[in-house]
Amino acid sequence: MTDSLVVRILAGGLLLACGLAHGQGNSVERPCPFQISPNSPGYGKGGNPCAFTYRVPQDRRPQLIRENPQCTAYGLAVVTCPTAVVGNYGQVRIGANGNAQGRGKVYPEETLAHMNFPPNMTAQQIWDQGVSLAQRNRLAESAATFLKCSEMGNVRCTSALGLCYDQGRGVPLDRTRAVWYLTRAANGGNRGAQDQLGVYWEEGEVLPQDMKKAMEWYMKSAQQGMPEAERRIGLAYELGEILPRSRPLAIEWLSKAGAQGDGESAELARLLSNPNTPARFRDLDAISAYYGQLFQAQLALHTPHASGGGGYNGNAAAHNNAVNAYYSAGNPAGAATCAATPSCASH
């Protein structure tokens, strides 16, 4: 990627709201059952084996251990884990370590334990309440509210919860949980979660880089009309590195995103549709460089021209009118291309 204009144009947005799973708050402090040393049971699973210690209902403990293999059972009702448990098993966090990110933020299980919801509230109503809380900057309550409707099977809530963990909004920053919840939502068909998983696979920071998997998730999201994913698919077809190169398909997907109000995608679609645009770009930097040339030419067009020079300068007025005609028609990419094309005024 680059700091250039095109990369800024292509930067996609994500959901504003976020939310989580279910549980209760911390109880009294309890000593760790293991000695904290490299020879301790469970130490090799990821560091301090008692970083997260929970009291768990006995009937739920086997499921917790099965679905969180980093954890170790201790007695009938306690488990210790080097990383936070993902999921709700009625667990209560205990121990001296507190929250992974300090006391400033708590996991939403703790917040949810102190909230009440009318028994007849639907998942949609709870989602709306979570959005309202987020808009009022009550982020911890918003996260807990999304946790509640996620547990009711609402994949939009599950996706929002994953994004909370991704951004540390109202909850500790926890990318392990972010991946878990976003994957769950993506498999449930949520297009926003599918797009974000694609970003994870593409960037290679949260998940190991795998462009094939990234494109698979982008395509699933784009097929459901997610503008950011449509833009990414369009660019992938234009560059031809992961998907087969196809400018018609690139224009098609960028136009779909543009039709939903993504102005940058609409402009790129117009640029690629212009017959004066180069037949192929090597990468995003090349697209950025071409854009820069167009706008530099446009700036030069609006500087004073010497009269009687013929050609480009001699036809400055007509050329300027042609550029303005593109703008008037709502085609800024065409205007930029025209500005860089001396013969544009004669068309």
Foldseek 3Di string as FASTA:
>chain_A
DDPFPLVVLLDDDADLFAAAAAAAEEDEADDDPWDQDCPTVLCVLAHGQALWKKFAPQVLVVVQCVVQVSWDDDPRGMITHPDDGAHDRRIYTHHDNPDPVPPPAAALNHVLVPDDDPPPDALVNLLVVLVVCVVVLVFSVSHNSLNVSVVVVDLVSLLRHLVCLCVVGRHDNDNVNSLVSLVVSVVVQDLSSLQVVLVCQCVCPSHHNDNQSSLVSLVSSVVVQDLSSLQVVLQCLQQCPRPHNDNVSSLVSLVSSVVVPSVSSPQVSLLSPDPLRDPHANHSVRVSVVLVLLVVLVVVLPDQADDPPDFQRPCSVLLVVLLVVCVVVVHNSVSSSSSNDRCSSVD
